[in-house]
Amino acid sequence: MSMDALTLALDWLASPLSGATQHTLESPVYWHGRLMVLAWGGCLPLGALVARYLKVSPRQDWPRVVDNKFWWHAHRSLQYTGVLAMSLGLWLVWRSSDAPFFSATGVHRSLGWLVLVLGWSQVVAGILRGSKGGPTSMEMAGDHYDMSRWRVGFEYLHKSLGWLAIALAIVVMTLGLVSADAPRWMLCGLLGWWAVLLAAAAWLQRRGCCIDTYQAIWGTDPALPGLQRKPIGWGVRRTQQHPWHSSTTPR
């Protein structure tokens, strides 16, 4: 690529999406965008991927060693950080716009409130997910070990609303960039990052790393009460083999 072409490409990336020659934002709006990208572009989707694909880690001697809490601590830390960043970002601008509802800014604002509610509902649902029980507890009975109706409802709700929130957040962030007339490199960077996350998810899914939560925690004994139910969630599987050590790719 010649220097002239490189200069033109860099100028194009640095220009606002509208093609305007200048781009200025008030400080609260600027930090609002940064915090929302941190939350919904980074922490929350990464936390969701960790929970979906790393319940059994590559070096874990599974199924002899079960209940590896790496995924749980990583998922919880990333989600709490993301929800707090999201809340702070919204607080910075919650009185700053009176744009018409059907404008990019108006739809961004309305969907943003919905995403906020979904994000906090995930935190509340996690707190109310029920007891654990099982051989690692003083009492065998527990919502998770027994897969009670409460626990089944939580898993369906938590998984479906979580992915819905991430999908809506992608729309909200895109609309936010449009309404702020952000530099083109920001949108290109986010699109590239989402493509990387999608490719990683596809690879991990095909490898068979989306292991049933119950089996990852309690093991593969078919007599376990939770294994009497089908796995909860799309693409979730059960297996007798370590997903990272299997020589064949599951179908």
C-alpha atoms as a PDB file:
ATOM      1  CA  MET A   1       0.000   0.000   0.000  1.00  0.00           C
ATOM      2  CA  SER A   2       1.395   3.404  -0.964  1.00  0.00           C
ATOM      3  CA  MET A   3       1.774   6.211   1.554  1.00  0.00           C
ATOM      4  CA  ASP A   4      -1.019   8.190  -0.140  1.00  0.00           C
ATOM      5  CA  ALA A   5      -3.397   5.251   0.089  1.00  0.00           C
ATOM      6  CA  LEU A   6      -2.436   4.631   3.723  1.00  0.00           C
ATOM      7  CA  THR A   7      -3.002   8.292   4.562  1.00  0.00           C
ATOM      8  CA  LEU A   8      -6.427   8.228   2.886  1.00  0.00           C
ATOM      9  CA  ALA A   9      -7.363   5.057   4.781  1.00  0.00           C
ATOM     10  CA  LEU A  10      -6.303   6.529   8.128  1.00  0.00           C
ATOM     11  CA  ASP A  11      -8.150   9.766   7.396  1.00  0.00           C
ATOM     12  CA  TRP A  12     -11.271   7.787   6.508  1.00  0.00           C
ATOM     13  CA  LEU A  13     -11.061   5.778   9.747  1.00  0.00           C
ATOM     14  CA  ALA A  14     -10.539   8.921  11.810  1.00  0.00           C
ATOM     15  CA  SER A  15     -13.511  10.736  10.245  1.00  0.00           C
ATOM     16  CA  PRO A  16     -16.966  10.685  11.891  1.00  0.00           C
ATOM     17  CA  LEU A  17     -19.518   8.203  10.543  1.00  0.00           C
ATOM     18  CA  SER A  18     -21.484  11.031   8.915  1.00  0.00           C
ATOM     19  CA  GLY A  19     -18.433  12.234   7.010  1.00  0.00           C
ATOM     20  CA  ALA A  20     -18.270  15.496   8.975  1.00  0.00           C
ATOM     21  CA  THR A  21     -14.906  17.139   9.420  1.00  0.00           C
ATOM     22  CA  GLN A  22     -15.124  17.508  13.200  1.00  0.00           C
ATOM     23  CA  HIS A  23     -16.187  15.316  16.109  1.00  0.00           C
ATOM     24  CA  THR A  24     -16.746  16.714  19.599  1.00  0.00           C
ATOM     25  CA  LEU A  25     -18.517  15.236  22.616  1.00  0.00           C
ATOM     26  CA  GLU A  26     -19.229  16.468  26.107  1.00  0.00           C
ATOM     27  CA  SER A  27     -17.189  14.691  28.765  1.00  0.00           C
ATOM     28  CA  PRO A  28     -20.119  12.754  30.342  1.00  0.00           C
ATOM     29  CA  VAL A  29     -21.170  11.409  26.941  1.00  0.00           C
ATOM     30  CA  TYR A  30     -17.584  10.492  26.151  1.00  0.00           C
ATOM     31  CA  TRP A  31     -17.194   8.500  29.373  1.00  0.00           C
ATOM     32  CA  HIS A  32     -20.662   7.005  28.960  1.00  0.00           C
ATOM     33  CA  GLY A  33     -19.538   5.479  25.674  1.00  0.00           C
ATOM     34  CA  ARG A  34     -16.301   4.167  27.148  1.00  0.00           C
ATOM     35  CA  LEU A  35     -18.043   2.532  30.083  1.00  0.00           C
ATOM     36  CA  MET A  36     -20.699   0.931  27.907  1.00  0.00           C
ATOM     37  CA  VAL A  37     -18.085  -0.521  25.560  1.00  0.00           C
ATOM     38  CA  LEU A  38     -16.194  -1.848  28.604  1.00  0.00           C
ATOM     39  CA  ALA A  39     -19.409  -3.418  29.922  1.00  0.00           C
ATOM     40  CA  TRP A  40     -21.181  -4.770  26.829  1.00  0.00           C
ATOM     41  CA  GLY A  41     -18.270  -4.966  24.442  1.00  0.00           C
ATOM     42  CA  GLY A  42     -15.889  -6.584  26.905  1.00  0.00           C
ATOM     43  CA  CYS A  43     -16.841  -7.838  30.360  1.00  0.00           C
ATOM     44  CA  LEU A  44     -20.348  -9.186  29.834  1.00  0.00           C
ATOM     45  CA  PRO A  45     -19.894 -11.139  26.569  1.00  0.00           C
ATOM     46  CA  LEU A  46     -16.569 -12.539  27.824  1.00  0.00           C
ATOM     47  CA  GLY A  47     -18.247 -13.592  31.060  1.00  0.00           C
ATOM     48  CA  ALA A  48     -21.007 -15.308  29.106  1.00  0.00           C
ATOM     49  CA  LEU A  49     -18.497 -17.189  26.948  1.00  0.00           C
ATOM     50  CA  VAL A  50     -16.539 -18.307  30.016  1.00  0.00           C
ATOM     51  CA  ALA A  51     -19.709 -19.653  31.618  1.00  0.00           C
ATOM     52  CA  ARG A  52     -20.783 -21.449  28.456  1.00  0.00           C
ATOM     53  CA  TYR A  53     -17.493 -22.984  27.352  1.00  0.00           C
ATOM     54  CA  LEU A  54     -15.110 -23.209  30.315  1.00  0.00           C
ATOM     55  CA  LYS A  55     -17.050 -25.132  32.923  1.00  0.00           C
ATOM     56  CA  VAL A  56     -14.447 -27.819  32.261  1.00  0.00           C
ATOM     57  CA  SER A  57     -10.996 -26.290  31.836  1.00  0.00           C
ATOM     58  CA  PRO A  58      -8.255 -27.707  29.589  1.00  0.00           C
ATOM     59  CA  ARG A  59      -5.981 -28.849  32.452  1.00  0.00           C
ATOM     60  CA  GLN A  60      -8.751 -30.166  34.692  1.00  0.00           C
ATOM     61  CA  ASP A  61      -8.695 -33.940  35.254  1.00  0.00           C
ATOM     62  CA  TRP A  62     -12.375 -34.230  34.446  1.00  0.00           C
ATOM     63  CA  PRO A  63     -14.528 -36.260  35.175  1.00  0.00           C
ATOM     64  CA  ARG A  64     -12.346 -37.493  38.045  1.00  0.00           C
ATOM     65  CA  VAL A  65     -12.052 -33.897  39.290  1.00  0.00           C
ATOM     66  CA  VAL A  66     -15.347 -32.011  39.132  1.00  0.00           C
ATOM     67  CA  ASP A  67     -16.697 -28.626  40.221  1.00  0.00           C
ATOM     68  CA  ASN A  68     -13.797 -26.514  38.986  1.00  0.00           C
ATOM     69  CA  LYS A  69     -14.755 -23.055  40.206  1.00  0.00           C
ATOM     70  CA  PHE A  70     -12.534 -21.108  37.795  1.00  0.00           C
ATOM     71  CA  TRP A  71     -15.439 -20.485  35.430  1.00  0.00           C
ATOM     72  CA  TRP A  72     -17.741 -19.453  38.264  1.00  0.00           C
ATOM     73  CA  HIS A  73     -15.369 -16.894  39.769  1.00  0.00           C
ATOM     74  CA  ALA A  74     -14.446 -15.520  36.324  1.00  0.00           C
ATOM     75  CA  HIS A  75     -18.091 -15.341  35.216  1.00  0.00           C
ATOM     76  CA  ARG A  76     -19.241 -13.625  38.395  1.00  0.00           C
ATOM     77  CA  SER A  77     -16.367 -11.128  38.436  1.00  0.00           C
ATOM     78  CA  LEU A  78     -16.817 -10.182  34.782  1.00  0.00           C
ATOM     79  CA  GLN A  79     -20.610  -9.864  35.056  1.00  0.00           C
ATOM     80  CA  TYR A  80     -20.537  -7.784  38.238  1.00  0.00           C
ATOM     81  CA  THR A  81     -17.878  -5.497  36.767  1.00  0.00           C
ATOM     82  CA  GLY A  82     -19.874  -5.151  33.556  1.00  0.00           C
ATOM     83  CA  VAL A  83     -23.171  -4.369  35.294  1.00  0.00           C
ATOM     84  CA  LEU A  84     -21.525  -1.771  37.538  1.00  0.00           C
ATOM     85  CA  ALA A  85     -19.779  -0.134  34.567  1.00  0.00           C
ATOM     86  CA  MET A  86     -23.090  -0.111  32.673  1.00  0.00           C
ATOM     87  CA  SER A  87     -24.907   1.492  35.595  1.00  0.00           C
ATOM     88  CA  LEU A  88     -22.270   4.177  36.040  1.00  0.00           C
ATOM     89  CA  GLY A  89     -22.292   4.873  32.305  1.00  0.00           C
ATOM     90  CA  LEU A  90     -26.051   5.329  32.283  1.00  0.00           C
ATOM     91  CA  TRP A  91     -25.962   7.549  35.378  1.00  0.00           C
ATOM     92  CA  LEU A  92     -23.600   9.927  33.560  1.00  0.00           C
ATOM     93  CA  VAL A  93     -26.131  10.691  30.802  1.00  0.00           C
ATOM     94  CA  TRP A  94     -29.560   9.732  32.067  1.00  0.00           C
ATOM     95  CA  ARG A  95     -30.845  13.353  31.912  1.00  0.00           C
ATOM     96  CA  SER A  96     -28.829  14.538  28.959  1.00  0.00           C
ATOM     97  CA  SER A  97     -31.078  13.755  25.955  1.00  0.00           C
ATOM     98  CA  ASP A  98     -34.533  14.852  24.809  1.00  0.00           C
ATOM     99  CA  ALA A  99     -34.217  13.389  21.307  1.00  0.00           C
ATOM    100  CA  PRO A 100     -37.364  12.158  19.480  1.00  0.00           C
ATOM    101  CA  PHE A 101     -38.220   8.533  20.219  1.00  0.00           C
ATOM    102  CA  PHE A 102     -37.807   7.329  16.623  1.00  0.00           C
ATOM    103  CA  SER A 103     -34.405   8.947  16.122  1.00  0.00           C
ATOM    104  CA  ALA A 104     -31.217   6.906  16.533  1.00  0.00           C
ATOM    105  CA  THR A 105     -30.597   8.636  19.853  1.00  0.00           C
ATOM    106  CA  GLY A 106     -34.179   8.051  21.035  1.00  0.00           C
ATOM    107  CA  VAL A 107     -34.150   4.333  20.198  1.00  0.00           C
ATOM    108  CA  HIS A 108     -30.661   4.037  21.711  1.00  0.00           C
ATOM    109  CA  ARG A 109     -31.930   5.567  24.936  1.00  0.00           C
ATOM    110  CA  SER A 110     -35.080   3.406  25.148  1.00  0.00           C
ATOM    111  CA  LEU A 111     -33.318   0.131  24.345  1.00  0.00           C
ATOM    112  CA  GLY A 112     -30.536   1.146  26.717  1.00  0.00           C
ATOM    113  CA  TRP A 113     -32.997   1.224  29.620  1.00  0.00           C
ATOM    114  CA  LEU A 114     -34.253  -2.218  28.609  1.00  0.00           C
ATOM    115  CA  VAL A 115     -30.697  -3.561  28.531  1.00  0.00           C
ATOM    116  CA  LEU A 116     -30.075  -2.035  31.976  1.00  0.00           C
ATOM    117  CA  VAL A 117     -33.124  -3.831  33.370  1.00  0.00           C
ATOM    118  CA  LEU A 118     -32.039  -7.115  31.780  1.00  0.00           C
ATOM    119  CA  GLY A 119     -28.537  -6.728  33.169  1.00  0.00           C
ATOM    120  CA  TRP A 120     -29.685  -6.132  36.718  1.00  0.00           C
ATOM    121  CA  SER A 121     -32.305  -8.891  36.445  1.00  0.00           C
ATOM    122  CA  GLN A 122     -29.430 -11.284  35.816  1.00  0.00           C
ATOM    123  CA  VAL A 123     -27.739 -10.172  39.025  1.00  0.00           C
ATOM    124  CA  VAL A 124     -30.958 -10.592  41.029  1.00  0.00           C
ATOM    125  CA  ALA A 125     -31.671 -13.985  39.436  1.00  0.00           C
ATOM    126  CA  GLY A 126     -28.160 -15.151  40.284  1.00  0.00           C
ATOM    127  CA  ILE A 127     -28.635 -14.207  43.930  1.00  0.00           C
ATOM    128  CA  LEU A 128     -31.979 -16.041  44.022  1.00  0.00           C
ATOM    129  CA  ARG A 129     -30.817 -19.112  42.048  1.00  0.00           C
ATOM    130  CA  GLY A 130     -31.458 -21.480  44.962  1.00  0.00           C
ATOM    131  CA  SER A 131     -29.375 -23.764  47.161  1.00  0.00           C
ATOM    132  CA  LYS A 132     -26.605 -25.990  45.873  1.00  0.00           C
ATOM    133  CA  GLY A 133     -26.713 -29.185  47.943  1.00  0.00           C
ATOM    134  CA  GLY A 134     -24.963 -32.358  46.855  1.00  0.00           C
ATOM    135  CA  PRO A 135     -21.985 -34.325  48.166  1.00  0.00           C
ATOM    136  CA  THR A 136     -19.962 -31.121  48.674  1.00  0.00           C
ATOM    137  CA  SER A 137     -22.531 -29.844  51.187  1.00  0.00           C
ATOM    138  CA  MET A 138     -23.496 -30.967  54.679  1.00  0.00           C
ATOM    139  CA  GLU A 139     -26.959 -31.723  53.308  1.00  0.00           C
ATOM    140  CA  MET A 140     -27.416 -33.673  50.093  1.00  0.00           C
ATOM    141  CA  ALA A 141     -30.677 -31.976  49.137  1.00  0.00           C
ATOM    142  CA  GLY A 142     -30.492 -28.696  47.231  1.00  0.00           C
ATOM    143  CA  ASP A 143     -32.153 -26.845  44.361  1.00  0.00           C
ATOM    144  CA  HIS A 144     -29.221 -27.481  42.026  1.00  0.00           C
ATOM    145  CA  TYR A 145     -28.362 -31.025  43.114  1.00  0.00           C
ATOM    146  CA  ASP A 146     -32.013 -32.076  42.859  1.00  0.00           C
ATOM    147  CA  MET A 147     -32.710 -29.803  39.865  1.00  0.00           C
ATOM    148  CA  SER A 148     -35.830 -28.445  41.541  1.00  0.00           C
ATOM    149  CA  ARG A 149     -38.427 -26.524  39.565  1.00  0.00           C
ATOM    150  CA  TRP A 150     -36.951 -23.326  40.979  1.00  0.00           C
ATOM    151  CA  ARG A 151     -33.486 -24.208  39.658  1.00  0.00           C
ATOM    152  CA  VAL A 152     -34.806 -25.318  36.268  1.00  0.00           C
ATOM    153  CA  GLY A 153     -36.722 -22.058  35.936  1.00  0.00           C
ATOM    154  CA  PHE A 154     -33.641 -20.074  36.923  1.00  0.00           C
ATOM    155  CA  GLU A 155     -31.444 -21.770  34.313  1.00  0.00           C
ATOM    156  CA  TYR A 156     -33.939 -21.240  31.495  1.00  0.00           C
ATOM    157  CA  LEU A 157     -34.458 -17.607  32.493  1.00  0.00           C
ATOM    158  CA  HIS A 158     -30.802 -16.813  33.180  1.00  0.00           C
ATOM    159  CA  LYS A 159     -29.506 -18.232  29.922  1.00  0.00           C
ATOM    160  CA  SER A 160     -32.223 -16.866  27.639  1.00  0.00           C
ATOM    161  CA  LEU A 161     -32.298 -13.349  29.119  1.00  0.00           C
ATOM    162  CA  GLY A 162     -28.512 -13.196  29.240  1.00  0.00           C
ATOM    163  CA  TRP A 163     -28.054 -13.845  25.531  1.00  0.00           C
ATOM    164  CA  LEU A 164     -30.999 -11.562  24.701  1.00  0.00           C
ATOM    165  CA  ALA A 165     -29.334  -8.748  26.672  1.00  0.00           C
ATOM    166  CA  ILE A 166     -26.055  -9.185  24.782  1.00  0.00           C
ATOM    167  CA  ALA A 167     -27.821  -9.199  21.422  1.00  0.00           C
ATOM    168  CA  LEU A 168     -29.750  -6.029  22.302  1.00  0.00           C
ATOM    169  CA  ALA A 169     -26.589  -4.406  23.638  1.00  0.00           C
ATOM    170  CA  ILE A 170     -24.903  -4.823  20.260  1.00  0.00           C
ATOM    171  CA  VAL A 171     -27.799  -2.923  18.673  1.00  0.00           C
ATOM    172  CA  VAL A 172     -27.694  -0.270  21.400  1.00  0.00           C
ATOM    173  CA  MET A 173     -23.940   0.272  21.062  1.00  0.00           C
ATOM    174  CA  THR A 174     -24.213   0.572  17.284  1.00  0.00           C
ATOM    175  CA  LEU A 175     -27.001   3.129  17.612  1.00  0.00           C
ATOM    176  CA  GLY A 176     -24.937   4.963  20.214  1.00  0.00           C
ATOM    177  CA  LEU A 177     -22.012   5.281  17.829  1.00  0.00           C
ATOM    178  CA  VAL A 178     -24.352   6.561  15.110  1.00  0.00           C
ATOM    179  CA  SER A 179     -26.060   9.085  17.380  1.00  0.00           C
ATOM    180  CA  ALA A 180     -22.684  10.338  18.670  1.00  0.00           C
ATOM    181  CA  ASP A 181     -21.325  10.447  15.104  1.00  0.00           C
ATOM    182  CA  ALA A 182     -18.301   8.546  16.354  1.00  0.00           C
ATOM    183  CA  PRO A 183     -15.127   8.066  14.312  1.00  0.00           C
ATOM    184  CA  ARG A 184     -15.361   5.187  11.877  1.00  0.00           C
ATOM    185  CA  TRP A 185     -12.483   3.312  13.524  1.00  0.00           C
ATOM    186  CA  MET A 186     -14.604   2.804  16.638  1.00  0.00           C
ATOM    187  CA  LEU A 187     -17.357   0.994  14.757  1.00  0.00           C
ATOM    188  CA  CYS A 188     -14.805  -0.976  12.731  1.00  0.00           C
ATOM    189  CA  GLY A 189     -13.004  -1.951  15.924  1.00  0.00           C
ATOM    190  CA  LEU A 190     -16.197  -3.144  17.599  1.00  0.00           C
ATOM    191  CA  LEU A 191     -17.280  -5.092  14.524  1.00  0.00           C
ATOM    192  CA  GLY A 192     -13.882  -6.747  14.401  1.00  0.00           C
ATOM    193  CA  TRP A 193     -14.002  -7.607  18.109  1.00  0.00           C
ATOM    194  CA  TRP A 194     -17.498  -9.091  17.823  1.00  0.00           C
ATOM    195  CA  ALA A 195     -16.313 -11.143  14.850  1.00  0.00           C
ATOM    196  CA  VAL A 196     -13.453 -12.512  16.986  1.00  0.00           C
ATOM    197  CA  LEU A 197     -15.862 -13.428  19.803  1.00  0.00           C
ATOM    198  CA  LEU A 198     -18.263 -15.073  17.357  1.00  0.00           C
ATOM    199  CA  ALA A 199     -15.471 -17.076  15.737  1.00  0.00           C
ATOM    200  CA  ALA A 200     -14.181 -18.189  19.153  1.00  0.00           C
ATOM    201  CA  ALA A 201     -17.689 -19.245  20.200  1.00  0.00           C
ATOM    202  CA  ALA A 202     -18.175 -21.209  16.986  1.00  0.00           C
ATOM    203  CA  TRP A 203     -14.840 -22.993  17.441  1.00  0.00           C
ATOM    204  CA  LEU A 204     -15.530 -23.856  21.082  1.00  0.00           C
ATOM    205  CA  GLN A 205     -19.051 -25.007  20.239  1.00  0.00           C
ATOM    206  CA  ARG A 206     -17.808 -27.301  17.495  1.00  0.00           C
ATOM    207  CA  ARG A 207     -15.116 -28.676  19.775  1.00  0.00           C
ATOM    208  CA  GLY A 208     -17.821 -29.690  22.237  1.00  0.00           C
ATOM    209  CA  CYS A 209     -16.857 -27.414  25.121  1.00  0.00           C
ATOM    210  CA  CYS A 210     -20.420 -26.384  25.941  1.00  0.00           C
ATOM    211  CA  ILE A 211     -20.834 -28.905  28.766  1.00  0.00           C
ATOM    212  CA  ASP A 212     -23.986 -29.205  30.856  1.00  0.00           C
ATOM    213  CA  THR A 213     -23.534 -27.241  34.107  1.00  0.00           C
ATOM    214  CA  TYR A 214     -24.874 -30.087  36.196  1.00  0.00           C
ATOM    215  CA  GLN A 215     -22.535 -32.676  34.717  1.00  0.00           C
ATOM    216  CA  ALA A 216     -19.539 -30.344  34.944  1.00  0.00           C
ATOM    217  CA  ILE A 217     -20.184 -29.829  38.666  1.00  0.00           C
ATOM    218  CA  TRP A 218     -21.462 -33.223  39.829  1.00  0.00           C
ATOM    219  CA  GLY A 219     -19.932 -35.694  37.377  1.00  0.00           C
ATOM    220  CA  THR A 220     -21.095 -38.332  34.918  1.00  0.00           C
ATOM    221  CA  ASP A 221     -22.814 -40.888  37.189  1.00  0.00           C
ATOM    222  CA  PRO A 222     -26.180 -41.571  35.497  1.00  0.00           C
ATOM    223  CA  ALA A 223     -27.774 -42.100  38.931  1.00  0.00           C
ATOM    224  CA  LEU A 224     -27.384 -38.415  39.804  1.00  0.00           C
ATOM    225  CA  PRO A 225     -30.840 -36.787  40.070  1.00  0.00           C
ATOM    226  CA  GLY A 226     -30.040 -33.870  37.742  1.00  0.00           C
ATOM    227  CA  LEU A 227     -28.969 -36.199  34.946  1.00  0.00           C
ATOM    228  CA  GLN A 228     -32.520 -37.502  34.707  1.00  0.00           C
ATOM    229  CA  ARG A 229     -33.426 -34.242  32.941  1.00  0.00           C
ATOM    230  CA  LYS A 230     -32.274 -33.153  29.524  1.00  0.00           C
ATOM    231  CA  PRO A 231     -29.596 -30.431  29.421  1.00  0.00           C
ATOM    232  CA  ILE A 232     -30.950 -26.896  29.584  1.00  0.00           C
ATOM    233  CA  GLY A 233     -30.075 -24.559  26.740  1.00  0.00           C
ATOM    234  CA  TRP A 234     -29.321 -24.705  23.045  1.00  0.00           C
ATOM    235  CA  GLY A 235     -26.222 -26.681  22.072  1.00  0.00           C
ATOM    236  CA  VAL A 236     -25.513 -27.873  25.636  1.00  0.00           C
ATOM    237  CA  ARG A 237     -24.192 -31.436  25.689  1.00  0.00           C
ATOM    238  CA  ARG A 238     -23.284 -34.233  28.038  1.00  0.00           C
ATOM    239  CA  THR A 239     -20.294 -36.438  27.504  1.00  0.00           C
ATOM    240  CA  GLN A 240     -18.106 -39.065  29.136  1.00  0.00           C
ATOM    241  CA  GLN A 241     -14.966 -37.624  27.543  1.00  0.00           C
ATOM    242  CA  HIS A 242     -12.956 -34.543  28.419  1.00  0.00           C
ATOM    243  CA  PRO A 243     -13.975 -31.947  25.780  1.00  0.00           C
ATOM    244  CA  TRP A 244     -10.449 -30.559  25.463  1.00  0.00           C
ATOM    245  CA  HIS A 245      -8.784 -33.985  25.171  1.00  0.00           C
ATOM    246  CA  SER A 246     -11.235 -35.729  22.850  1.00  0.00           C
ATOM    247  CA  SER A 247      -9.664 -36.827  19.561  1.00  0.00           C
ATOM    248  CA  THR A 248     -12.935 -36.453  17.678  1.00  0.00           C
ATOM    249  CA  THR A 249     -15.141 -33.451  17.122  1.00  0.00           C
ATOM    250  CA  PRO A 250     -18.712 -33.936  18.429  1.00  0.00           C
ATOM    251  CA  ARG A 251     -21.589 -33.526  16.071  1.00  0.00           C
END
